[in-house]
Amino acid sequence: MKKTVISIILLAAMLLSACTPGIAEQTTAAEETTQAETTAAETTAETTEEAVTTEEETTAPETETETETEAQTTEEVTVTETEAETEAPDEEGQITLVLPKNSSDVSHELALDLLAMASGGGEAATKNNLTVEGFEVLFTKHYDKNSDISHTCAYAVGKGRYKGKNVYAIVIRGTSGGEWYSNFDFAPSHDNNTQYAENFLLSAQDIYLSVKEMFDEDKDALFIVTGHSRGAAAANLLGTLLDTVYGAERVYAYTFATPNTVRGEEAEKSYTNIFNYINPNDIVTHLPLEAHGYKRVGVDIVLDPVTNKSPLIDSLPKLTSVAPDIESYYNKKYALDAPGLSDTGVSPFDLMIGLVIMLAGSSADTSLLPKVSEDSDLYPLVSFMSSFAGAGTVFSDHMPSMYRNLIMEKFDL
C-alpha cells in the first residue's frame, strides 16, 4: 500500500506544484495534523476598525465600502489601460514605481515591476528588490519556515513616499518548506459551505493583523500588495481586507499565477482594484478545484499562452470523480484493490500528505509507480500518471519568467 500511495501522489505533485522550489518536511498523520490546524468556518470581516481573528475562528471581508454589489466573474475581463501619472518630483524616500492615478486603472508596466519584486523568493533577495525600488524595509516575517505547517506565508513590508504620501508595499513569497502542507489543506474546517480557500484566508489575516496598527495610524497612506502563486492567493485576499478597512482607492493589488481563493457569495463580489494575471495553461490557477465552486476575487487578466494546453488540466475531472466536494476530499477513503470505499483505504487528502513526504525524498520517477487494481476508483489517476511525461512544461507555464514574457508580448511592452 505504501508504494501505491506514493504512486498516486505523483499526480498530486503535478497538479499542486507552486512556483518557489522548496523541500517539504515530513508531516504527521492527516487526522492529527488537521485537528491541530485552525477550523476556519465561513466568516465575515468587520468593515470598521477591527478585524479580529484567531486560528480557531477566522474573519473575512465584507464589502460595504463598495457602492455596487454587481456580480464580478473572474473570466477574462477587458480592462482599459489608462496612462500612469507622470513621475513624481524627487523627495526623500521617493519610490521609483509609478502608480496609476486611480487604483482601478490597470498599469501593465507597474505589473512587471511588481512581478519582479514578488519573484525574489528568499528574504535577502526580496529585501533587495524593495530597496532597489526605493522602499525602506520595515520588517520581514516567516522566512525561517521549514517544518512549520501553519497557514501563514513569508512576506516583507516596505515603506516609501509617493506624491507626498506614505506608501507601503507588502510582498508575499510563494511556496517553500512546510507551506506545501498548507497548499493542500485548503479547507481545514472540512466544511462544504465554506466561502473561502481557508488556508490562504488565514495567511492573509496573519499579514493584516501584523500591519493593522501601523496602517491605522497612517490616515492617507497608499498600499501596494503583490505575490506570485501561493503568495498571489494571499495577496488576492489581503487586497479585499485592505479594501474593506481603508478603501479601494488607496489599495493597488497585483497578483500573478493566482490560485482560486473564494466560492459562493464571496465569489460574486466586485473588487475592481485587484488584478490577477493568469496563464490559462498554468495548472495552479485552476486550484483549488473550480468543480468545488472556487474562483478568484478581482479582475482576471488572461494572458495568451504559448504552449499547448496542459494534459493535467484536462485530467482534473478525474480528480473531481474521487473528490466531488470538500468533505469527500478529506473524509472519503477509497480501496486500493477494489471499487468503492474502504476503512483501510486512503482519502485524496491523505494522498496530499503523502506528497509532502515524497517531496522530502526528492523522488518523482513515474517508472516507479506500482500497479493498482483496475477495479479501484483511484486507478484512472494512477493510469494517467504512468503515461504522463510533461512535467517540465507544467512547471514552465507557472514560472515568473513565463508570466513576464506573456505580459510583455500581450501588451507590447
Protein backbone atom coordinates (compact mmCIF):
# COMPACT_ATOMS: atom_id res chain seq x y z
CA MET A 1 0.00 0.00 0.00
CA LYS A 2 2.87 2.34 0.71
CA LYS A 3 4.13 2.07 -2.88
CA THR A 4 0.65 2.63 -4.21
CA VAL A 5 0.09 5.78 -2.17
CA ILE A 6 3.37 7.20 -3.39
CA SER A 7 2.38 6.38 -6.95
CA ILE A 8 -0.85 8.29 -6.73
CA ILE A 9 0.96 11.13 -5.05
CA LEU A 10 2.81 11.89 -8.25
CA LEU A 11 -0.34 13.21 -9.93
CA ALA A 12 -0.90 15.49 -6.98
CA ALA A 13 2.67 16.76 -7.32
CA MET A 14 1.99 17.89 -10.87
CA LEU A 15 -1.44 19.30 -10.01
CA LEU A 16 -0.48 21.34 -7.00
CA SER A 17 3.11 22.47 -7.61
CA ALA A 18 3.75 26.06 -6.54
CA CYS A 19 6.30 28.39 -8.01
CA THR A 20 9.03 28.60 -5.38
CA PRO A 21 11.13 25.43 -5.09
CA GLY A 22 11.19 24.11 -1.57
CA ILE A 23 11.83 20.91 0.30
CA ALA A 24 8.87 19.95 2.42
CA GLU A 25 9.31 18.37 5.82
CA GLN A 26 7.72 15.06 6.80
CA THR A 27 4.38 15.62 8.49
CA THR A 28 2.25 13.70 10.93
CA ALA A 29 -0.88 11.76 10.01
CA ALA A 30 -3.65 13.75 8.36
CA GLU A 31 -6.16 13.36 11.19
CA GLU A 32 -3.71 14.64 13.84
CA THR A 33 -2.45 17.47 11.73
CA THR A 34 -5.83 18.72 10.65
CA GLN A 35 -7.05 18.78 14.26
CA ALA A 36 -4.01 20.84 15.17
CA GLU A 37 -4.82 23.33 12.43
CA THR A 38 -7.34 26.09 12.57
CA THR A 39 -11.02 25.43 11.91
CA ALA A 40 -11.85 28.21 9.54
CA ALA A 41 -15.62 28.43 9.36
CA GLU A 42 -17.47 30.74 6.98
CA THR A 43 -16.79 34.16 8.37
CA THR A 44 -17.33 37.82 7.81
CA ALA A 45 -14.92 40.70 8.39
CA GLU A 46 -15.86 43.90 10.12
CA THR A 47 -15.63 46.96 7.91
CA THR A 48 -14.64 49.28 10.71
CA GLU A 49 -11.55 49.46 12.87
CA GLU A 50 -11.19 45.83 13.94
CA ALA A 51 -10.73 42.59 12.02
CA VAL A 52 -10.14 40.17 14.85
CA THR A 53 -9.14 36.62 14.08
CA THR A 54 -7.61 33.59 15.70
CA GLU A 55 -6.58 30.27 14.23
CA GLU A 56 -9.75 28.80 15.68
CA GLU A 57 -12.14 31.36 14.22
CA THR A 58 -11.39 33.27 11.05
CA THR A 59 -12.52 36.68 9.88
CA ALA A 60 -13.31 37.50 6.29
CA PRO A 61 -14.08 40.71 4.48
CA GLU A 62 -17.38 42.44 3.88
CA THR A 63 -17.64 44.91 1.03
CA GLU A 64 -19.82 47.66 2.47
CA THR A 65 -17.35 50.24 1.21
CA GLU A 66 -18.37 49.40 -2.33
CA THR A 67 -21.18 51.35 -3.94
CA GLU A 68 -22.35 48.48 -6.14
CA THR A 69 -22.98 44.81 -5.46
CA GLU A 70 -22.98 43.83 -9.09
CA ALA A 71 -21.53 40.35 -9.58
CA GLN A 72 -17.92 40.16 -10.77
CA THR A 73 -16.87 36.98 -12.50
CA THR A 74 -13.25 36.01 -12.93
CA GLU A 75 -13.41 35.06 -16.57
CA GLU A 76 -11.34 37.08 -18.99
CA VAL A 77 -12.15 40.74 -18.49
CA THR A 78 -11.43 43.53 -20.92
CA VAL A 79 -9.59 46.19 -18.97
CA THR A 80 -8.98 49.68 -20.29
CA GLU A 81 -5.43 50.60 -19.50
CA THR A 82 -5.02 54.24 -18.57
CA GLU A 83 -1.88 56.26 -18.62
CA ALA A 84 0.06 56.26 -15.38
CA GLU A 85 0.68 59.54 -13.69
CA THR A 86 3.79 61.38 -14.63
CA GLU A 87 6.72 60.64 -12.42
CA ALA A 88 6.53 62.36 -9.08
CA PRO A 89 9.10 65.02 -8.14
CA ASP A 90 12.04 63.77 -6.13
CA GLU A 91 11.70 63.81 -2.38
CA GLU A 92 13.30 61.91 0.44
CA GLY A 93 12.20 58.27 0.36
CA GLN A 94 10.59 58.63 -3.09
CA ILE A 95 9.86 55.23 -4.67
CA THR A 96 10.68 54.54 -8.31
CA LEU A 97 7.37 52.81 -9.08
CA VAL A 98 4.76 54.85 -10.98
CA LEU A 99 1.18 54.25 -9.85
CA PRO A 100 -1.97 54.90 -11.89
CA LYS A 101 -3.98 57.90 -10.77
CA ASN A 102 -6.86 55.59 -9.86
CA SER A 103 -6.28 52.19 -8.29
CA SER A 104 -8.96 50.70 -10.57
CA ASP A 105 -6.92 51.63 -13.66
CA VAL A 106 -4.56 48.82 -14.57
CA SER A 107 -0.90 49.53 -15.38
CA HIS A 108 0.94 46.65 -17.07
CA GLU A 109 4.24 48.47 -16.58
CA LEU A 110 3.57 48.52 -12.85
CA ALA A 111 2.61 44.85 -13.06
CA LEU A 112 6.03 43.98 -14.49
CA ASP A 113 7.79 45.89 -11.71
CA LEU A 114 5.71 44.17 -9.04
CA LEU A 115 6.21 40.74 -10.61
CA ALA A 116 9.97 41.31 -10.34
CA MET A 117 9.56 42.29 -6.69
CA ALA A 118 7.47 39.18 -6.00
CA SER A 119 9.95 36.84 -7.70
CA GLY A 120 12.77 37.22 -5.20
CA GLY A 121 11.93 34.06 -3.27
CA GLY A 122 14.39 34.38 -0.41
CA GLU A 123 14.38 37.00 2.32
CA ALA A 124 17.59 38.74 1.21
CA ALA A 125 16.50 38.93 -2.43
CA THR A 126 13.07 40.31 -1.53
CA LYS A 127 14.57 42.95 0.74
CA ASN A 128 16.95 43.93 -2.05
CA ASN A 129 14.07 44.18 -4.53
CA LEU A 130 12.22 46.54 -2.19
CA THR A 131 15.32 48.65 -1.65
CA VAL A 132 16.01 48.94 -5.38
CA GLU A 133 12.50 50.37 -5.86
CA GLY A 134 13.12 52.99 -3.17
CA PHE A 135 11.40 51.35 -0.18
CA GLU A 136 12.77 51.20 3.34
CA VAL A 137 12.34 47.62 4.55
CA LEU A 138 10.36 47.79 7.79
CA PHE A 139 10.27 44.10 8.64
CA THR A 140 10.07 40.57 7.27
CA LYS A 141 8.28 37.57 8.73
CA HIS A 142 8.09 33.77 8.41
CA TYR A 143 11.09 33.36 6.12
CA ASP A 144 12.50 30.81 8.56
CA LYS A 145 9.64 28.37 7.98
CA ASN A 146 10.85 24.80 7.43
CA SER A 147 8.74 22.14 9.10
CA ASP A 148 6.18 24.75 10.20
CA ILE A 149 2.84 23.70 8.66
CA SER A 150 0.77 26.61 9.96
CA HIS A 151 -1.36 28.57 7.50
CA THR A 152 0.97 31.52 7.11
CA CYS A 153 3.10 33.00 4.31
CA ALA A 154 6.53 34.58 4.33
CA TYR A 155 6.36 38.28 3.47
CA ALA A 156 8.20 41.58 3.60
CA VAL A 157 6.87 45.08 4.27
CA GLY A 158 8.47 48.25 2.91
CA LYS A 159 7.69 51.95 3.25
CA GLY A 160 8.35 54.83 0.87
CA ARG A 161 6.93 58.11 -0.36
CA TYR A 162 4.79 58.82 -3.42
CA LYS A 163 3.19 62.13 -4.38
CA GLY A 164 3.58 63.47 -0.86
CA LYS A 165 2.03 60.39 0.77
CA ASN A 166 3.43 57.38 2.54
CA VAL A 167 3.14 54.18 0.53
CA TYR A 168 3.52 50.67 1.95
CA ALA A 169 4.43 47.62 -0.11
CA ILE A 170 3.62 44.08 1.02
CA VAL A 171 5.46 41.41 -0.99
CA ILE A 172 4.36 37.83 -0.29
CA ARG A 173 6.55 34.81 -1.09
CA GLY A 174 5.48 31.69 -2.97
CA THR A 175 5.60 28.17 -1.53
CA SER A 176 8.57 26.94 0.48
CA GLY A 177 9.18 24.28 3.13
CA GLY A 178 6.23 23.39 5.32
CA GLU A 179 3.95 25.61 3.23
CA TRP A 180 3.44 22.67 0.88
CA TYR A 181 1.18 21.15 3.52
CA SER A 182 -0.86 24.33 3.77
CA ASN A 183 -1.39 24.40 0.00
CA PHE A 184 -3.08 21.00 0.17
CA ASP A 185 -5.10 21.69 3.32
CA PHE A 186 -7.24 24.32 1.59
CA ALA A 187 -10.30 23.90 3.87
CA PRO A 188 -9.23 22.87 7.38
CA SER A 189 -12.85 23.24 8.51
CA HIS A 190 -13.81 20.41 6.07
CA ASP A 191 -17.00 22.41 5.58
CA ASN A 192 -18.77 22.10 2.23
CA ASN A 193 -20.31 25.53 2.85
CA THR A 194 -17.10 27.48 3.40
CA GLN A 195 -16.82 30.67 1.37
CA TYR A 196 -13.01 30.62 1.16
CA ALA A 197 -9.83 28.74 0.46
CA GLU A 198 -9.28 28.94 4.19
CA ASN A 199 -5.55 28.25 4.08
CA PHE A 200 -5.00 31.42 2.05
CA LEU A 201 -7.50 33.43 4.08
CA LEU A 202 -5.67 32.59 7.30
CA SER A 203 -2.38 33.65 5.70
CA ALA A 204 -3.89 36.95 4.56
CA GLN A 205 -5.32 37.63 8.00
CA ASP A 206 -2.00 36.89 9.66
CA ILE A 207 -0.38 39.57 7.50
CA TYR A 208 -3.22 42.05 8.03
CA LEU A 209 -3.07 41.78 11.80
CA SER A 210 0.69 42.37 11.71
CA VAL A 211 0.33 45.68 9.86
CA LYS A 212 -3.08 46.88 11.08
CA GLU A 213 -1.91 49.13 13.92
CA MET A 214 0.71 50.82 11.74
CA PHE A 215 -1.72 51.30 8.85
CA ASP A 216 -4.47 52.61 11.12
CA GLU A 217 -2.23 55.46 12.21
CA ASP A 218 -1.40 56.49 8.64
CA LYS A 219 -4.70 58.03 7.58
CA ASP A 220 -3.94 58.81 3.92
CA ALA A 221 -1.27 56.23 3.07
CA LEU A 222 -1.36 54.10 -0.08
CA PHE A 223 -0.93 50.32 -0.09
CA ILE A 224 0.65 48.01 -2.68
CA VAL A 225 0.08 44.25 -2.38
CA THR A 226 1.68 41.65 -4.62
CA GLY A 227 2.67 38.00 -4.78
CA HIS A 228 3.18 35.03 -7.09
CA SER A 229 1.49 31.61 -6.74
CA ARG A 230 0.79 30.91 -3.05
CA GLY A 231 1.80 34.50 -2.36
CA ALA A 232 -0.64 35.62 -5.04
CA ALA A 233 -3.54 33.85 -3.33
CA ALA A 234 -2.73 35.52 -0.01
CA ALA A 235 -2.32 38.88 -1.77
CA ASN A 236 -5.67 38.41 -3.51
CA LEU A 237 -7.49 38.04 -0.19
CA LEU A 238 -5.36 40.60 1.64
CA GLY A 239 -6.44 43.07 -1.03
CA THR A 240 -10.07 42.52 -0.06
CA LEU A 241 -9.28 43.08 3.62
CA LEU A 242 -7.43 46.33 2.90
CA ASP A 243 -10.20 47.47 0.55
CA THR A 244 -12.80 46.89 3.23
CA VAL A 245 -10.98 48.71 6.01
CA TYR A 246 -9.10 51.51 4.21
CA GLY A 247 -10.98 51.97 0.93
CA ALA A 248 -10.27 50.54 -2.52
CA GLU A 249 -9.00 53.89 -3.80
CA ARG A 250 -5.92 53.52 -1.56
CA VAL A 251 -5.09 49.90 -2.48
CA TYR A 252 -3.13 48.64 -5.52
CA ALA A 253 -3.22 44.82 -5.67
CA TYR A 254 -1.46 42.88 -8.45
CA THR A 255 -1.19 39.08 -8.34
CA PHE A 256 0.44 36.53 -10.65
CA ALA A 257 -0.27 32.80 -11.21
CA THR A 258 -3.07 33.15 -8.69
CA PRO A 259 -4.85 30.10 -7.27
CA ASN A 260 -8.59 30.23 -6.62
CA THR A 261 -9.48 31.83 -3.31
CA VAL A 262 -13.25 32.16 -2.79
CA ARG A 263 -16.56 30.49 -3.55
CA GLY A 264 -20.27 31.10 -3.09
CA GLU A 265 -21.42 34.65 -2.41
CA GLU A 266 -17.85 35.84 -1.86
CA ALA A 267 -17.00 34.92 -5.44
CA GLU A 268 -19.69 37.31 -6.73
CA LYS A 269 -18.37 40.44 -5.02
CA SER A 270 -16.67 43.09 -7.11
CA TYR A 271 -13.13 44.33 -6.47
CA THR A 272 -12.03 46.45 -9.42
CA ASN A 273 -8.59 47.32 -7.99
CA ILE A 274 -7.35 43.71 -7.64
CA PHE A 275 -5.72 42.47 -10.86
CA ASN A 276 -4.87 38.79 -11.35
CA TYR A 277 -2.56 37.91 -14.24
CA ILE A 278 -3.44 34.40 -15.38
CA ASN A 279 -1.78 32.00 -17.81
CA PRO A 280 -4.67 29.61 -18.63
CA ASN A 281 -2.16 26.79 -19.21
CA ASP A 282 -0.91 27.13 -15.63
CA ILE A 283 -2.46 24.29 -13.59
CA VAL A 284 -2.03 26.26 -10.34
CA THR A 285 -4.59 28.83 -11.49
CA HIS A 286 -7.23 26.06 -11.65
CA LEU A 287 -6.81 25.06 -7.98
CA PRO A 288 -8.49 24.63 -5.55
CA LEU A 289 -10.90 22.89 -7.88
CA GLU A 290 -13.29 25.01 -9.90
CA ALA A 291 -15.61 21.99 -9.69
CA HIS A 292 -15.85 22.75 -5.96
CA GLY A 293 -17.03 26.26 -6.79
CA TYR A 294 -13.74 28.10 -6.26
CA LYS A 295 -12.91 31.31 -8.13
CA ARG A 296 -10.75 34.39 -7.59
CA VAL A 297 -11.87 37.84 -6.47
CA GLY A 298 -10.92 40.83 -8.57
CA VAL A 299 -10.30 41.21 -12.29
CA ASP A 300 -8.62 38.37 -14.18
CA ILE A 301 -6.27 39.48 -16.95
CA VAL A 302 -5.97 36.34 -19.05
CA LEU A 303 -2.72 36.08 -20.98
CA ASP A 304 -2.16 34.36 -24.32
CA PRO A 305 -0.41 31.01 -23.71
CA VAL A 306 2.50 29.92 -25.87
CA THR A 307 2.33 26.21 -25.02
CA ASN A 308 -0.35 23.63 -25.69
CA LYS A 309 -2.98 23.07 -23.04
CA SER A 310 -1.58 21.05 -20.17
CA PRO A 311 -2.86 17.44 -20.04
CA LEU A 312 -3.11 17.92 -16.29
CA ILE A 313 -5.86 20.49 -16.76
CA ASP A 314 -7.79 18.01 -18.90
CA SER A 315 -7.30 15.42 -16.16
CA LEU A 316 -8.94 17.48 -13.41
CA PRO A 317 -12.31 15.70 -13.84
CA LYS A 318 -10.52 12.50 -12.77
CA LEU A 319 -9.59 14.14 -9.50
CA THR A 320 -13.10 15.50 -9.16
CA SER A 321 -14.52 12.00 -9.56
CA VAL A 322 -12.90 10.89 -6.29
CA ALA A 323 -13.34 14.26 -4.55
CA PRO A 324 -16.68 15.66 -5.75
CA ASP A 325 -16.87 18.09 -2.82
CA ILE A 326 -14.75 19.41 0.03
CA GLU A 327 -15.96 16.94 2.62
CA SER A 328 -15.17 13.94 0.41
CA TYR A 329 -11.70 15.33 -0.31
CA TYR A 330 -10.89 14.98 3.36
CA ASN A 331 -13.02 12.07 4.51
CA LYS A 332 -13.74 9.56 1.72
CA LYS A 333 -11.32 6.64 1.86
CA TYR A 334 -11.03 4.55 -1.30
CA ALA A 335 -9.96 0.92 -1.55
CA LEU A 336 -6.75 0.35 -3.47
CA ASP A 337 -7.58 -3.10 -4.87
CA ALA A 338 -11.34 -2.95 -5.33
CA PRO A 339 -14.06 -0.46 -6.26
CA GLY A 340 -15.72 1.71 -3.65
CA LEU A 341 -14.74 2.85 -0.20
CA SER A 342 -12.78 1.06 2.49
CA ASP A 343 -11.98 1.75 6.12
CA THR A 344 -8.40 0.78 5.31
CA GLY A 345 -8.24 2.91 2.15
CA VAL A 346 -6.92 6.39 1.60
CA SER A 347 -8.60 9.76 1.04
CA PRO A 348 -7.50 12.33 -1.55
CA PHE A 349 -6.24 14.45 1.35
CA ASP A 350 -4.19 11.51 2.64
CA LEU A 351 -2.52 11.44 -0.76
CA MET A 352 -1.61 15.09 -0.43
CA ILE A 353 0.01 14.47 2.95
CA GLY A 354 1.91 11.64 1.31
CA LEU A 355 3.07 14.11 -1.32
CA VAL A 356 4.69 16.24 1.36
CA ILE A 357 6.65 13.19 2.48
CA MET A 358 7.57 12.34 -1.10
CA LEU A 359 8.88 15.83 -1.77
CA ALA A 360 11.24 15.43 1.16
CA GLY A 361 12.74 12.46 -0.68
CA SER A 362 13.00 14.43 -3.96
CA SER A 363 11.69 11.47 -5.98
CA ALA A 364 9.40 11.90 -8.99
CA ASP A 365 10.25 8.91 -11.17
CA THR A 366 6.99 7.75 -12.74
CA SER A 367 8.59 4.42 -13.69
CA LEU A 368 8.47 3.54 -10.00
CA LEU A 369 4.67 3.61 -9.96
CA PRO A 370 3.34 0.25 -8.75
CA LYS A 371 0.28 -1.33 -10.30
CA VAL A 372 -3.11 -0.52 -8.86
CA SER A 373 -6.11 -2.72 -9.45
CA GLU A 374 -8.19 -1.59 -12.43
CA ASP A 375 -11.21 -2.03 -10.18
CA SER A 376 -10.05 0.74 -7.82
CA ASP A 377 -11.71 4.12 -8.14
CA LEU A 378 -8.20 5.57 -7.95
CA TYR A 379 -6.95 3.65 -11.00
CA PRO A 380 -7.69 6.42 -13.58
CA LEU A 381 -5.38 8.76 -11.69
CA VAL A 382 -2.56 6.23 -11.45
CA SER A 383 -3.03 5.24 -15.08
CA PHE A 384 -2.79 8.85 -16.21
CA MET A 385 0.39 9.42 -14.20
CA SER A 386 2.00 6.33 -15.70
CA SER A 387 1.78 7.81 -19.19
CA PHE A 388 2.37 11.47 -18.43
CA ALA A 389 5.85 12.86 -19.09
CA GLY A 390 5.30 16.63 -19.43
CA ALA A 391 6.29 17.87 -16.00
CA GLY A 392 8.77 20.38 -17.43
CA THR A 393 6.06 22.12 -19.43
CA VAL A 394 3.77 22.22 -16.39
CA PHE A 395 6.40 23.99 -14.32
CA SER A 396 7.48 26.37 -17.07
CA ASP A 397 3.90 27.61 -17.53
CA HIS A 398 3.89 28.60 -13.86
CA MET A 399 7.25 30.34 -13.58
CA PRO A 400 7.55 34.13 -13.08
CA SER A 401 9.73 34.31 -16.20
CA MET A 402 6.88 32.87 -18.28
CA TYR A 403 4.46 35.41 -16.83
CA ARG A 404 6.84 38.24 -17.57
CA ASN A 405 7.22 37.13 -21.19
CA LEU A 406 3.46 36.70 -21.68
CA ILE A 407 2.68 40.14 -20.20
CA MET A 408 5.29 41.82 -22.38
CA GLU A 409 4.07 40.05 -25.51
CA LYS A 410 0.36 40.65 -24.94
CA PHE A 411 0.75 44.34 -24.18
CA ASP A 412 3.73 45.14 -26.44
CA LEU A 413 5.98 46.22 -23.58
